Amino acid sequence: MPELKPCPACRSINVSYVRGRDNAQVVCLECEMGGPQPGQASAAIAAWNSLPRALRKTTNLPVEDGKYYWALGMNLMWFVVRVVEINGKMYAMMSGSEVECPVSDFIEWAGPIDAPGKCSNE
């Protein structure tokens, strides 16, 4: 299995590959940020390793479509979501979900994230 890069959000090396029922994901065991969730282990690891490592956290809301990290709740767990514009308003969608949440419901953001394989960082 390829080596995992540090967490893009907190830079911890305490990261682990996790296999779910229908997906695979790399998760930071320090800040609990989860990477993209493709179906194959090799794709999950490649996607995690391709994420940019120089993102800055912000409370500014996304203003363009794309994938972003977001944090929600008191413990600020980080996840990757797809942000889309619907009828002039921005919404966040979890991976594989049709449920949309207004971007204003989230606490912190980082991104947008380039598609895996297109990032020039590290």
PDB file of N, CA and C in Angstrom:
ATOM      1  N   MET A   1       0.854  -1.176   0.000  1.00  0.00           N
ATOM      2  CA  MET A   1       0.000   0.000   0.000  1.00  0.00           C
ATOM      3  C   MET A   1       0.899   1.238   0.000  1.00  0.00           C
ATOM      4  N   PRO A   2       0.586   2.257  -0.842  1.00  0.00           N
ATOM      5  CA  PRO A   2       1.410   3.467  -0.898  1.00  0.00           C
ATOM      6  C   PRO A   2       1.396   4.231   0.426  1.00  0.00           C
ATOM      7  N   GLU A   3       2.462   4.986   0.658  1.00  0.00           N
ATOM      8  CA  GLU A   3       2.562   5.805   1.856  1.00  0.00           C
ATOM      9  C   GLU A   3       1.542   6.941   1.800  1.00  0.00           C
ATOM     10  N   LEU A   4       0.934   7.259   2.947  1.00  0.00           N
ATOM     11  CA  LEU A   4      -0.051   8.335   3.035  1.00  0.00           C
ATOM     12  C   LEU A   4       0.633   9.649   3.403  1.00  0.00           C
ATOM     13  N   LYS A   5       0.277  10.720   2.705  1.00  0.00           N
ATOM     14  CA  LYS A   5       0.802  12.040   3.037  1.00  0.00           C
ATOM     15  C   LYS A   5       0.117  12.554   4.300  1.00  0.00           C
ATOM     16  N   PRO A   6       0.719  13.554   4.960  1.00  0.00           N
ATOM     17  CA  PRO A   6       0.093  14.145   6.157  1.00  0.00           C
ATOM     18  C   PRO A   6      -1.264  14.765   5.840  1.00  0.00           C
ATOM     19  N   CYS A   7      -2.024  15.023   6.885  1.00  0.00           N
ATOM     20  CA  CYS A   7      -3.347  15.628   6.753  1.00  0.00           C
ATOM     21  C   CYS A   7      -3.237  17.023   6.146  1.00  0.00           C
ATOM     22  N   PRO A   8      -4.047  17.328   5.133  1.00  0.00           N
ATOM     23  CA  PRO A   8      -4.028  18.667   4.547  1.00  0.00           C
ATOM     24  C   PRO A   8      -4.527  19.751   5.499  1.00  0.00           C
ATOM     25  N   ALA A   9      -5.382  19.399   6.449  1.00  0.00           N
ATOM     26  CA  ALA A   9      -5.969  20.392   7.344  1.00  0.00           C
ATOM     27  C   ALA A   9      -5.075  20.701   8.543  1.00  0.00           C
ATOM     28  N   CYS A  10      -4.547  19.658   9.209  1.00  0.00           N
ATOM     29  CA  CYS A  10      -3.788  19.900  10.443  1.00  0.00           C
ATOM     30  C   CYS A  10      -2.321  19.475  10.343  1.00  0.00           C
ATOM     31  N   ARG A  11      -1.938  18.859   9.219  1.00  0.00           N
ATOM     32  CA  ARG A  11      -0.562  18.412   8.940  1.00  0.00           C
ATOM     33  C   ARG A  11      -0.117  17.213   9.772  1.00  0.00           C
ATOM     34  N   SER A  12      -1.022  16.582  10.512  1.00  0.00           N
ATOM     35  CA  SER A  12      -0.677  15.403  11.304  1.00  0.00           C
ATOM     36  C   SER A  12      -0.310  14.230  10.386  1.00  0.00           C
ATOM     37  N   ILE A  13       0.615  13.402  10.850  1.00  0.00           N
ATOM     38  CA  ILE A  13       0.954  12.173  10.119  1.00  0.00           C
ATOM     39  C   ILE A  13       0.139  10.988  10.645  1.00  0.00           C
ATOM     40  N   ASN A  14      -0.714  11.237  11.625  1.00  0.00           N
ATOM     41  CA  ASN A  14      -1.561  10.209  12.219  1.00  0.00           C
ATOM     42  C   ASN A  14      -2.817  10.031  11.361  1.00  0.00           C
ATOM     43  N   VAL A  15      -2.641   9.464  10.160  1.00  0.00           N
ATOM     44  CA  VAL A  15      -3.730   9.251   9.209  1.00  0.00           C
ATOM     45  C   VAL A  15      -3.872   7.769   8.929  1.00  0.00           C
ATOM     46  N   SER A  16      -5.073   7.358   8.539  1.00  0.00           N
ATOM     47  CA  SER A  16      -5.327   5.933   8.340  1.00  0.00           C
ATOM     48  C   SER A  16      -6.318   5.706   7.203  1.00  0.00           C
ATOM     49  N   TYR A  17      -6.128   4.623   6.491  1.00  0.00           N
ATOM     50  CA  TYR A  17      -7.050   4.191   5.447  1.00  0.00           C
ATOM     51  C   TYR A  17      -8.199   3.442   6.116  1.00  0.00           C
ATOM     52  N   VAL A  18      -9.438   3.744   5.716  1.00  0.00           N
ATOM     53  CA  VAL A  18     -10.621   3.090   6.272  1.00  0.00           C
ATOM     54  C   VAL A  18     -11.475   2.560   5.134  1.00  0.00           C
ATOM     55  N   ARG A  19     -11.946   1.353   5.264  1.00  0.00           N
ATOM     56  CA  ARG A  19     -12.809   0.753   4.242  1.00  0.00           C
ATOM     57  C   ARG A  19     -14.217   0.674   4.791  1.00  0.00           C
ATOM     58  N   GLY A  20     -15.163   1.322   4.089  1.00  0.00           N
ATOM     59  CA  GLY A  20     -16.573   1.250   4.460  1.00  0.00           C
ATOM     60  C   GLY A  20     -17.271   0.187   3.642  1.00  0.00           C
ATOM     61  N   ARG A  21     -18.573   0.081   3.789  1.00  0.00           N
ATOM     62  CA  ARG A  21     -19.345  -0.921   3.048  1.00  0.00           C
ATOM     63  C   ARG A  21     -19.319  -0.647   1.545  1.00  0.00           C
ATOM     64  N   ASP A  22     -19.486   0.631   1.162  1.00  0.00           N
ATOM     65  CA  ASP A  22     -19.558   0.985  -0.250  1.00  0.00           C
ATOM     66  C   ASP A  22     -18.451   1.919  -0.719  1.00  0.00           C
ATOM     67  N   ASN A  23     -17.512   2.239   0.163  1.00  0.00           N
ATOM     68  CA  ASN A  23     -16.482   3.186  -0.235  1.00  0.00           C
ATOM     69  C   ASN A  23     -15.196   2.951   0.549  1.00  0.00           C
ATOM     70  N   ALA A  24     -14.174   3.691   0.159  1.00  0.00           N
ATOM     71  CA  ALA A  24     -12.893   3.684   0.850  1.00  0.00           C
ATOM     72  C   ALA A  24     -12.520   5.128   1.113  1.00  0.00           C
ATOM     73  N   GLN A  25     -11.778   5.376   2.191  1.00  0.00           N
ATOM     74  CA  GLN A  25     -11.461   6.749   2.567  1.00  0.00           C
ATOM     75  C   GLN A  25     -10.206   6.760   3.428  1.00  0.00           C
ATOM     76  N   VAL A  26      -9.466   7.867   3.355  1.00  0.00           N
ATOM     77  CA  VAL A  26      -8.378   8.115   4.287  1.00  0.00           C
ATOM     78  C   VAL A  26      -8.871   9.170   5.264  1.00  0.00           C
ATOM     79  N   VAL A  27      -8.601   8.948   6.560  1.00  0.00           N
ATOM     80  CA  VAL A  27      -9.092   9.833   7.616  1.00  0.00           C
ATOM     81  C   VAL A  27      -7.933  10.237   8.515  1.00  0.00           C
ATOM     82  N   CYS A  28      -7.929  11.516   8.934  1.00  0.00           N
ATOM     83  CA  CYS A  28      -6.953  11.993   9.907  1.00  0.00           C
ATOM     84  C   CYS A  28      -7.465  11.631  11.298  1.00  0.00           C
ATOM     85  N   LEU A  29      -6.646  10.958  12.079  1.00  0.00           N
ATOM     86  CA  LEU A  29      -7.051  10.541  13.418  1.00  0.00           C
ATOM     87  C   LEU A  29      -6.884  11.660  14.446  1.00  0.00           C
ATOM     88  N   GLU A  30      -6.289  12.788  14.036  1.00  0.00           N
ATOM     89  CA  GLU A  30      -6.126  13.941  14.933  1.00  0.00           C
ATOM     90  C   GLU A  30      -7.318  14.895  14.812  1.00  0.00           C
ATOM     91  N   CYS A  31      -7.567  15.413  13.597  1.00  0.00           N
ATOM     92  CA  CYS A  31      -8.642  16.408  13.422  1.00  0.00           C
ATOM     93  C   CYS A  31      -9.904  15.788  12.822  1.00  0.00           C
ATOM     94  N   GLU A  32      -9.849  14.509  12.459  1.00  0.00           N
ATOM     95  CA  GLU A  32     -10.970  13.737  11.920  1.00  0.00           C
ATOM     96  C   GLU A  32     -11.418  14.186  10.535  1.00  0.00           C
ATOM     97  N   MET A  33     -10.540  14.881   9.806  1.00  0.00           N
ATOM     98  CA  MET A  33     -10.865  15.224   8.430  1.00  0.00           C
ATOM     99  C   MET A  33     -10.863  13.964   7.591  1.00  0.00           C
ATOM    100  N   GLY A  34     -11.881  13.825   6.736  1.00  0.00           N
ATOM    101  CA  GLY A  34     -11.950  12.687   5.838  1.00  0.00           C
ATOM    102  C   GLY A  34     -11.691  13.111   4.407  1.00  0.00           C
ATOM    103  N   GLY A  35     -10.987  12.294   3.657  1.00  0.00           N
ATOM    104  CA  GLY A  35     -10.717  12.583   2.257  1.00  0.00           C
ATOM    105  C   GLY A  35     -11.857  12.138   1.365  1.00  0.00           C
ATOM    106  N   PRO A  36     -11.669  12.295   0.043  1.00  0.00           N
ATOM    107  CA  PRO A  36     -12.675  11.815  -0.910  1.00  0.00           C
ATOM    108  C   PRO A  36     -12.947  10.329  -0.698  1.00  0.00           C
ATOM    109  N   GLN A  37     -14.123   9.865  -1.124  1.00  0.00           N
ATOM    110  CA  GLN A  37     -14.552   8.498  -0.844  1.00  0.00           C
ATOM    111  C   GLN A  37     -14.821   7.683  -2.110  1.00  0.00           C
ATOM    112  N   PRO A  38     -13.805   7.447  -2.942  1.00  0.00           N
ATOM    113  CA  PRO A  38     -14.036   6.575  -4.095  1.00  0.00           C
ATOM    114  C   PRO A  38     -14.189   5.121  -3.639  1.00  0.00           C
ATOM    115  N   GLY A  39     -14.587   4.266  -4.530  1.00  0.00           N
ATOM    116  CA  GLY A  39     -14.865   2.881  -4.170  1.00  0.00           C
ATOM    117  C   GLY A  39     -13.659   1.996  -3.936  1.00  0.00           C
ATOM    118  N   GLN A  40     -12.521   2.323  -4.524  1.00  0.00           N
ATOM    119  CA  GLN A  40     -11.339   1.470  -4.427  1.00  0.00           C
ATOM    120  C   GLN A  40     -10.305   2.052  -3.463  1.00  0.00           C
ATOM    121  N   ALA A  41      -9.575   1.173  -2.769  1.00  0.00           N
ATOM    122  CA  ALA A  41      -8.543   1.617  -1.834  1.00  0.00           C
ATOM    123  C   ALA A  41      -7.479   2.441  -2.533  1.00  0.00           C
ATOM    124  N   SER A  42      -7.005   1.989  -3.677  1.00  0.00           N
ATOM    125  CA  SER A  42      -5.941   2.705  -4.384  1.00  0.00           C
ATOM    126  C   SER A  42      -6.405   4.101  -4.812  1.00  0.00           C
ATOM    127  N   ALA A  43      -7.666   4.233  -5.202  1.00  0.00           N
ATOM    128  CA  ALA A  43      -8.208   5.541  -5.604  1.00  0.00           C
ATOM    129  C   ALA A  43      -8.353   6.462  -4.395  1.00  0.00           C
ATOM    130  N   ALA A  44      -8.754   5.924  -3.241  1.00  0.00           N
ATOM    131  CA  ALA A  44      -8.893   6.734  -2.024  1.00  0.00           C
ATOM    132  C   ALA A  44      -7.534   7.265  -1.574  1.00  0.00           C
ATOM    133  N   ILE A  45      -6.524   6.424  -1.636  1.00  0.00           N
ATOM    134  CA  ILE A  45      -5.172   6.833  -1.232  1.00  0.00           C
ATOM    135  C   ILE A  45      -4.613   7.861  -2.217  1.00  0.00           C
ATOM    136  N   ALA A  46      -4.802   7.615  -3.510  1.00  0.00           N
ATOM    137  CA  ALA A  46      -4.329   8.564  -4.524  1.00  0.00           C
ATOM    138  C   ALA A  46      -5.035   9.909  -4.382  1.00  0.00           C
ATOM    139  N   ALA A  47      -6.343   9.893  -4.123  1.00  0.00           N
ATOM    140  CA  ALA A  47      -7.099  11.138  -3.955  1.00  0.00           C
ATOM    141  C   ALA A  47      -6.609  11.906  -2.736  1.00  0.00           C
ATOM    142  N   TRP A  48      -6.396  11.202  -1.620  1.00  0.00           N
ATOM    143  CA  TRP A  48      -5.885  11.839  -0.394  1.00  0.00           C
ATOM    144  C   TRP A  48      -4.509  12.460  -0.644  1.00  0.00           C
ATOM    145  N   ASN A  49      -3.622  11.705  -1.250  1.00  0.00           N
ATOM    146  CA  ASN A  49      -2.267  12.184  -1.493  1.00  0.00           C
ATOM    147  C   ASN A  49      -2.221  13.333  -2.496  1.00  0.00           C
ATOM    148  N   SER A  50      -3.256  13.462  -3.337  1.00  0.00           N
ATOM    149  CA  SER A  50      -3.302  14.536  -4.328  1.00  0.00           C
ATOM    150  C   SER A  50      -3.902  15.830  -3.790  1.00  0.00           C
ATOM    151  N   LEU A  51      -4.511  15.791  -2.599  1.00  0.00           N
ATOM    152  CA  LEU A  51      -5.119  17.001  -2.043  1.00  0.00           C
ATOM    153  C   LEU A  51      -4.043  18.037  -1.721  1.00  0.00           C
ATOM    154  N   PRO A  52      -4.339  19.314  -1.972  1.00  0.00           N
ATOM    155  CA  PRO A  52      -3.353  20.353  -1.659  1.00  0.00           C
ATOM    156  C   PRO A  52      -3.083  20.428  -0.165  1.00  0.00           C
ATOM    157  N   ARG A  53      -1.846  20.667   0.186  1.00  0.00           N
ATOM    158  CA  ARG A  53      -1.444  20.737   1.595  1.00  0.00           C
ATOM    159  C   ARG A  53      -1.291  22.166   2.101  1.00  0.00           C
ATOM    160  N   ALA A  54      -1.567  23.176   1.300  1.00  0.00           N
ATOM    161  CA  ALA A  54      -1.347  24.560   1.705  1.00  0.00           C
ATOM    162  C   ALA A  54      -2.656  25.337   1.840  1.00  0.00           C
ATOM    163  N   LEU A  55      -3.762  24.652   2.094  1.00  0.00           N
ATOM    164  CA  LEU A  55      -5.041  25.350   2.226  1.00  0.00           C
ATOM    165  C   LEU A  55      -5.101  26.134   3.530  1.00  0.00           C
ATOM    166  N   ARG A  56      -5.785  27.241   3.498  1.00  0.00           N
ATOM    167  CA  ARG A  56      -5.988  28.073   4.682  1.00  0.00           C
ATOM    168  C   ARG A  56      -7.446  28.000   5.098  1.00  0.00           C
ATOM    169  N   LYS A  57      -7.686  27.825   6.399  1.00  0.00           N
ATOM    170  CA  LYS A  57      -9.051  27.836   6.913  1.00  0.00           C
ATOM    171  C   LYS A  57      -9.602  29.255   6.819  1.00  0.00           C
ATOM    172  N   THR A  58     -10.904  29.348   6.578  1.00  0.00           N
ATOM    173  CA  THR A  58     -11.554  30.654   6.502  1.00  0.00           C
ATOM    174  C   THR A  58     -13.010  30.525   6.913  1.00  0.00           C
ATOM    175  N   THR A  59     -13.596  31.629   7.336  1.00  0.00           N
ATOM    176  CA  THR A  59     -15.035  31.653   7.590  1.00  0.00           C
ATOM    177  C   THR A  59     -15.765  32.263   6.396  1.00  0.00           C
ATOM    178  N   ASN A  60     -15.017  32.676   5.357  1.00  0.00           N
ATOM    179  CA  ASN A  60     -15.640  33.180   4.133  1.00  0.00           C
ATOM    180  C   ASN A  60     -16.346  32.046   3.413  1.00  0.00           C
ATOM    181  N   LEU A  61     -17.565  32.283   2.971  1.00  0.00           N
ATOM    182  CA  LEU A  61     -18.352  31.254   2.298  1.00  0.00           C
ATOM    183  C   LEU A  61     -17.881  31.072   0.858  1.00  0.00           C
ATOM    184  N   PRO A  62     -17.946  29.836   0.322  1.00  0.00           N
ATOM    185  CA  PRO A  62     -17.598  29.615  -1.084  1.00  0.00           C
ATOM    186  C   PRO A  62     -18.526  30.410  -1.999  1.00  0.00           C
ATOM    187  N   VAL A  63     -17.968  30.915  -3.089  1.00  0.00           N
ATOM    188  CA  VAL A  63     -18.756  31.685  -4.045  1.00  0.00           C
ATOM    189  C   VAL A  63     -18.730  31.059  -5.435  1.00  0.00           C
ATOM    190  N   GLU A  64     -18.093  29.890  -5.572  1.00  0.00           N
ATOM    191  CA  GLU A  64     -18.060  29.211  -6.860  1.00  0.00           C
ATOM    192  C   GLU A  64     -18.205  27.710  -6.662  1.00  0.00           C
ATOM    193  N   ASP A  65     -18.722  27.028  -7.696  1.00  0.00           N
ATOM    194  CA  ASP A  65     -18.865  25.578  -7.647  1.00  0.00           C
ATOM    195  C   ASP A  65     -17.493  24.925  -7.474  1.00  0.00           C
ATOM    196  N   GLY A  66     -17.459  23.789  -6.820  1.00  0.00           N
ATOM    197  CA  GLY A  66     -16.214  23.045  -6.654  1.00  0.00           C
ATOM    198  C   GLY A  66     -16.263  22.174  -5.428  1.00  0.00           C
ATOM    199  N   LYS A  67     -15.151  21.492  -5.156  1.00  0.00           N
ATOM    200  CA  LYS A  67     -15.026  20.692  -3.941  1.00  0.00           C
ATOM    201  C   LYS A  67     -14.256  21.506  -2.912  1.00  0.00           C
ATOM    202  N   TYR A  68     -14.710  21.402  -1.664  1.00  0.00           N
ATOM    203  CA  TYR A  68     -14.125  22.157  -0.564  1.00  0.00           C
ATOM    204  C   TYR A  68     -14.024  21.256   0.660  1.00  0.00           C
ATOM    205  N   TYR A  69     -13.141  21.637   1.591  1.00  0.00           N
ATOM    206  CA  TYR A  69     -13.190  21.078   2.943  1.00  0.00           C
ATOM    207  C   TYR A  69     -14.171  21.937   3.720  1.00  0.00           C
ATOM    208  N   TRP A  70     -14.940  21.327   4.613  1.00  0.00           N
ATOM    209  CA  TRP A  70     -15.781  22.108   5.513  1.00  0.00           C
ATOM    210  C   TRP A  70     -15.754  21.493   6.892  1.00  0.00           C
ATOM    211  N   ALA A  71     -16.001  22.338   7.895  1.00  0.00           N
ATOM    212  CA  ALA A  71     -16.058  21.889   9.285  1.00  0.00           C
ATOM    213  C   ALA A  71     -17.409  22.287   9.841  1.00  0.00           C
ATOM    214  N   LEU A  72     -17.998  21.396  10.593  1.00  0.00           N
ATOM    215  CA  LEU A  72     -19.310  21.645  11.176  1.00  0.00           C
ATOM    216  C   LEU A  72     -19.342  21.100  12.597  1.00  0.00           C
ATOM    217  N   GLY A  73     -19.948  21.829  13.493  1.00  0.00           N
ATOM    218  CA  GLY A  73     -20.130  21.343  14.859  1.00  0.00           C
ATOM    219  C   GLY A  73     -19.044  21.836  15.804  1.00  0.00           C
ATOM    220  N   MET A  74     -19.229  21.531  17.071  1.00  0.00           N
ATOM    221  CA  MET A  74     -18.317  22.006  18.102  1.00  0.00           C
ATOM    222  C   MET A  74     -16.927  21.410  17.988  1.00  0.00           C
ATOM    223  N   ASN A  75     -16.824  20.155  17.500  1.00  0.00           N
ATOM    224  CA  ASN A  75     -15.511  19.529  17.418  1.00  0.00           C
ATOM    225  C   ASN A  75     -14.830  19.766  16.071  1.00  0.00           C
ATOM    226  N   LEU A  76     -15.458  20.530  15.170  1.00  0.00           N
ATOM    227  CA  LEU A  76     -14.889  20.920  13.884  1.00  0.00           C
ATOM    228  C   LEU A  76     -14.291  19.750  13.112  1.00  0.00           C
ATOM    229  N   MET A  77     -15.072  18.691  12.907  1.00  0.00           N
ATOM    230  CA  MET A  77     -14.620  17.589  12.064  1.00  0.00           C
ATOM    231  C   MET A  77     -14.624  18.063  10.615  1.00  0.00           C
ATOM    232  N   TRP A  78     -13.557  17.780   9.869  1.00  0.00           N
ATOM    233  CA  TRP A  78     -13.401  18.236   8.489  1.00  0.00           C
ATOM    234  C   TRP A  78     -13.802  17.159   7.508  1.00  0.00           C
ATOM    235  N   PHE A  79     -14.538  17.542   6.471  1.00  0.00           N
ATOM    236  CA  PHE A  79     -14.982  16.639   5.418  1.00  0.00           C
ATOM    237  C   PHE A  79     -14.815  17.326   4.067  1.00  0.00           C
ATOM    238  N   VAL A  80     -14.884  16.547   3.003  1.00  0.00           N
ATOM    239  CA  VAL A  80     -14.883  17.099   1.659  1.00  0.00           C
ATOM    240  C   VAL A  80     -16.318  17.102   1.152  1.00  0.00           C
ATOM    241  N   VAL A  81     -16.770  18.243   0.642  1.00  0.00           N
ATOM    242  CA  VAL A  81     -18.114  18.362   0.077  1.00  0.00           C
ATOM    243  C   VAL A  81     -18.027  18.999  -1.305  1.00  0.00           C
ATOM    244  N   ARG A  82     -19.062  18.785  -2.089  1.00  0.00           N
ATOM    245  CA  ARG A  82     -19.187  19.448  -3.386  1.00  0.00           C
ATOM    246  C   ARG A  82     -20.121  20.633  -3.193  1.00  0.00           C
ATOM    247  N   VAL A  83     -19.685  21.808  -3.602  1.00  0.00           N
ATOM    248  CA  VAL A  83     -20.496  23.020  -3.504  1.00  0.00           C
ATOM    249  C   VAL A  83     -21.048  23.330  -4.891  1.00  0.00           C
ATOM    250  N   VAL A  84     -22.358  23.558  -4.952  1.00  0.00           N
ATOM    251  CA  VAL A  84     -23.020  23.858  -6.223  1.00  0.00           C
ATOM    252  C   VAL A  84     -23.944  25.050  -6.042  1.00  0.00           C
ATOM    253  N   GLU A  85     -24.145  25.778  -7.135  1.00  0.00           N
ATOM    254  CA  GLU A  85     -25.095  26.885  -7.132  1.00  0.00           C
ATOM    255  C   GLU A  85     -26.434  26.358  -7.636  1.00  0.00           C
ATOM    256  N   ILE A  86     -27.491  26.593  -6.861  1.00  0.00           N
ATOM    257  CA  ILE A  86     -28.846  26.190  -7.244  1.00  0.00           C
ATOM    258  C   ILE A  86     -29.745  27.408  -7.077  1.00  0.00           C
ATOM    259  N   ASN A  87     -30.336  27.858  -8.172  1.00  0.00           N
ATOM    260  CA  ASN A  87     -31.225  29.025  -8.154  1.00  0.00           C
ATOM    261  C   ASN A  87     -30.593  30.237  -7.473  1.00  0.00           C
ATOM    262  N   GLY A  88     -29.314  30.481  -7.779  1.00  0.00           N
ATOM    263  CA  GLY A  88     -28.638  31.658  -7.260  1.00  0.00           C
ATOM    264  C   GLY A  88     -28.114  31.552  -5.844  1.00  0.00           C
ATOM    265  N   LYS A  89     -28.263  30.392  -5.194  1.00  0.00           N
ATOM    266  CA  LYS A  89     -27.753  30.197  -3.839  1.00  0.00           C
ATOM    267  C   LYS A  89     -26.767  29.038  -3.837  1.00  0.00           C
ATOM    268  N   MET A  90     -25.772  29.103  -2.943  1.00  0.00           N
ATOM    269  CA  MET A  90     -24.738  28.078  -2.857  1.00  0.00           C
ATOM    270  C   MET A  90     -25.134  27.008  -1.827  1.00  0.00           C
ATOM    271  N   TYR A  91     -24.979  25.737  -2.236  1.00  0.00           N
ATOM    272  CA  TYR A  91     -25.306  24.605  -1.376  1.00  0.00           C
ATOM    273  C   TYR A  91     -24.149  23.621  -1.343  1.00  0.00           C
ATOM    274  N   ALA A  92     -24.001  22.928  -0.210  1.00  0.00           N
ATOM    275  CA  ALA A  92     -22.982  21.891  -0.055  1.00  0.00           C
ATOM    276  C   ALA A  92     -23.664  20.534  -0.118  1.00  0.00           C
ATOM    277  N   MET A  93     -23.033  19.592  -0.817  1.00  0.00           N
ATOM    278  CA  MET A  93     -23.563  18.235  -0.951  1.00  0.00           C
ATOM    279  C   MET A  93     -22.500  17.243  -0.504  1.00  0.00           C
ATOM    280  N   MET A  94     -22.875  16.346   0.392  1.00  0.00           N
ATOM    281  CA  MET A  94     -21.963  15.288   0.827  1.00  0.00           C
ATOM    282  C   MET A  94     -21.750  14.307  -0.308  1.00  0.00           C
ATOM    283  N   SER A  95     -20.643  13.608  -0.279  1.00  0.00           N
ATOM    284  CA  SER A  95     -20.332  12.620  -1.304  1.00  0.00           C
ATOM    285  C   SER A  95     -21.431  11.570  -1.393  1.00  0.00           C
ATOM    286  N   GLY A  96     -21.959  11.363  -2.598  1.00  0.00           N
ATOM    287  CA  GLY A  96     -22.984  10.353  -2.814  1.00  0.00           C
ATOM    288  C   GLY A  96     -24.356  10.726  -2.287  1.00  0.00           C
ATOM    289  N   SER A  97     -24.550  11.977  -1.880  1.00  0.00           N
ATOM    290  CA  SER A  97     -25.817  12.389  -1.285  1.00  0.00           C
ATOM    291  C   SER A  97     -26.550  13.356  -2.193  1.00  0.00           C
ATOM    292  N   GLU A  98     -27.864  13.277  -2.179  1.00  0.00           N
ATOM    293  CA  GLU A  98     -28.684  14.246  -2.907  1.00  0.00           C
ATOM    294  C   GLU A  98     -29.157  15.356  -1.972  1.00  0.00           C
ATOM    295  N   VAL A  99     -28.803  15.269  -0.682  1.00  0.00           N
ATOM    296  CA  VAL A  99     -29.231  16.262   0.296  1.00  0.00           C
ATOM    297  C   VAL A  99     -28.326  17.478   0.195  1.00  0.00           C
ATOM    298  N   GLU A 100     -28.943  18.645   0.047  1.00  0.00           N
ATOM    299  CA  GLU A 100     -28.183  19.885  -0.030  1.00  0.00           C
ATOM    300  C   GLU A 100     -28.356  20.669   1.257  1.00  0.00           C
ATOM    301  N   CYS A 101     -27.295  21.309   1.713  1.00  0.00           N
ATOM    302  CA  CYS A 101     -27.333  22.180   2.878  1.00  0.00           C
ATOM    303  C   CYS A 101     -26.812  23.546   2.456  1.00  0.00           C
ATOM    304  N   PRO A 102     -27.463  24.627   2.855  1.00  0.00           N
ATOM    305  CA  PRO A 102     -26.927  25.953   2.530  1.00  0.00           C
ATOM    306  C   PRO A 102     -25.511  26.104   3.082  1.00  0.00           C
ATOM    307  N   VAL A 103     -24.610  26.707   2.309  1.00  0.00           N
ATOM    308  CA  VAL A 103     -23.227  26.837   2.773  1.00  0.00           C
ATOM    309  C   VAL A 103     -23.137  27.666   4.051  1.00  0.00           C
ATOM    310  N   SER A 104     -24.137  28.490   4.329  1.00  0.00           N
ATOM    311  CA  SER A 104     -24.117  29.304   5.543  1.00  0.00           C
ATOM    312  C   SER A 104     -24.263  28.478   6.812  1.00  0.00           C
ATOM    313  N   ASP A 105     -24.666  27.205   6.696  1.00  0.00           N
ATOM    314  CA  ASP A 105     -24.821  26.339   7.864  1.00  0.00           C
ATOM    315  C   ASP A 105     -23.489  25.816   8.405  1.00  0.00           C
ATOM    316  N   PHE A 106     -22.389  26.041   7.686  1.00  0.00           N
ATOM    317  CA  PHE A 106     -21.094  25.485   8.065  1.00  0.00           C
ATOM    318  C   PHE A 106     -20.232  26.545   8.730  1.00  0.00           C
ATOM    319  N   ILE A 107     -19.289  26.112   9.552  1.00  0.00           N
ATOM    320  CA  ILE A 107     -18.491  27.029  10.355  1.00  0.00           C
ATOM    321  C   ILE A 107     -17.238  27.500   9.632  1.00  0.00           C
ATOM    322  N   GLU A 108     -16.423  26.574   9.154  1.00  0.00           N
ATOM    323  CA  GLU A 108     -15.167  26.932   8.504  1.00  0.00           C
ATOM    324  C   GLU A 108     -15.043  26.237   7.160  1.00  0.00           C
ATOM    325  N   TRP A 109     -14.280  26.859   6.275  1.00  0.00           N
ATOM    326  CA  TRP A 109     -14.068  26.349   4.924  1.00  0.00           C
ATOM    327  C   TRP A 109     -12.593  26.369   4.588  1.00  0.00           C
ATOM    328  N   ALA A 110     -12.215  25.562   3.609  1.00  0.00           N
ATOM    329  CA  ALA A 110     -10.897  25.641   2.982  1.00  0.00           C
ATOM    330  C   ALA A 110     -11.062  25.121   1.564  1.00  0.00           C
ATOM    331  N   GLY A 111     -10.469  25.778   0.616  1.00  0.00           N
ATOM    332  CA  GLY A 111     -10.580  25.321  -0.763  1.00  0.00           C
ATOM    333  C   GLY A 111     -10.793  26.483  -1.702  1.00  0.00           C
ATOM    334  N   PRO A 112     -11.175  26.241  -2.917  1.00  0.00           N
ATOM    335  CA  PRO A 112     -11.573  24.951  -3.486  1.00  0.00           C
ATOM    336  C   PRO A 112     -10.393  23.999  -3.677  1.00  0.00           C
ATOM    337  N   ILE A 113     -10.725  22.719  -3.801  1.00  0.00           N
ATOM    338  CA  ILE A 113      -9.746  21.658  -3.945  1.00  0.00           C
ATOM    339  C   ILE A 113      -9.673  21.266  -5.415  1.00  0.00           C
ATOM    340  N   ASP A 114      -8.466  21.210  -5.968  1.00  0.00           N
ATOM    341  CA  ASP A 114      -8.294  20.722  -7.328  1.00  0.00           C
ATOM    342  C   ASP A 114      -8.641  19.248  -7.392  1.00  0.00           C
ATOM    343  N   ALA A 115      -9.042  18.786  -8.562  1.00  0.00           N
ATOM    344  CA  ALA A 115      -9.304  17.362  -8.758  1.00  0.00           C
ATOM    345  C   ALA A 115      -8.011  16.573  -8.536  1.00  0.00           C
ATOM    346  N   PRO A 116      -8.080  15.347  -8.006  1.00  0.00           N
ATOM    347  CA  PRO A 116      -6.874  14.543  -7.815  1.00  0.00           C
ATOM    348  C   PRO A 116      -6.088  14.437  -9.109  1.00  0.00           C
ATOM    349  N   GLY A 117      -4.772  14.557  -8.973  1.00  0.00           N
ATOM    350  CA  GLY A 117      -3.907  14.446 -10.136  1.00  0.00           C
ATOM    351  C   GLY A 117      -3.588  15.779 -10.781  1.00  0.00           C
ATOM    352  N   LYS A 118      -4.316  16.845 -10.413  1.00  0.00           N
ATOM    353  CA  LYS A 118      -4.075  18.151 -10.997  1.00  0.00           C
ATOM    354  C   LYS A 118      -3.366  19.088 -10.040  1.00  0.00           C
ATOM    355  N   CYS A 119      -3.201  18.682  -8.793  1.00  0.00           N
ATOM    356  CA  CYS A 119      -2.582  19.540  -7.787  1.00  0.00           C
ATOM    357  C   CYS A 119      -1.083  19.570  -7.995  1.00  0.00           C
ATOM    358  N   SER A 120      -0.496  20.748  -7.900  1.00  0.00           N
ATOM    359  CA  SER A 120       0.943  20.865  -8.076  1.00  0.00           C
ATOM    360  C   SER A 120       1.683  20.904  -6.732  1.00  0.00           C
ATOM    361  N   ASN A 121       0.930  20.881  -5.608  1.00  0.00           N
ATOM    362  CA  ASN A 121       1.557  20.920  -4.286  1.00  0.00           C
ATOM    363  C   ASN A 121       2.203  19.592  -3.961  1.00  0.00           C
ATOM    364  N   GLU A 122       3.371  19.644  -3.364  1.00  0.00           N
ATOM    365  CA  GLU A 122       4.131  18.477  -2.887  1.00  0.00           C
ATOM    366  C   GLU A 122       4.109  17.369  -3.899  1.00  0.00           C
TER     367      GLU A 122
END
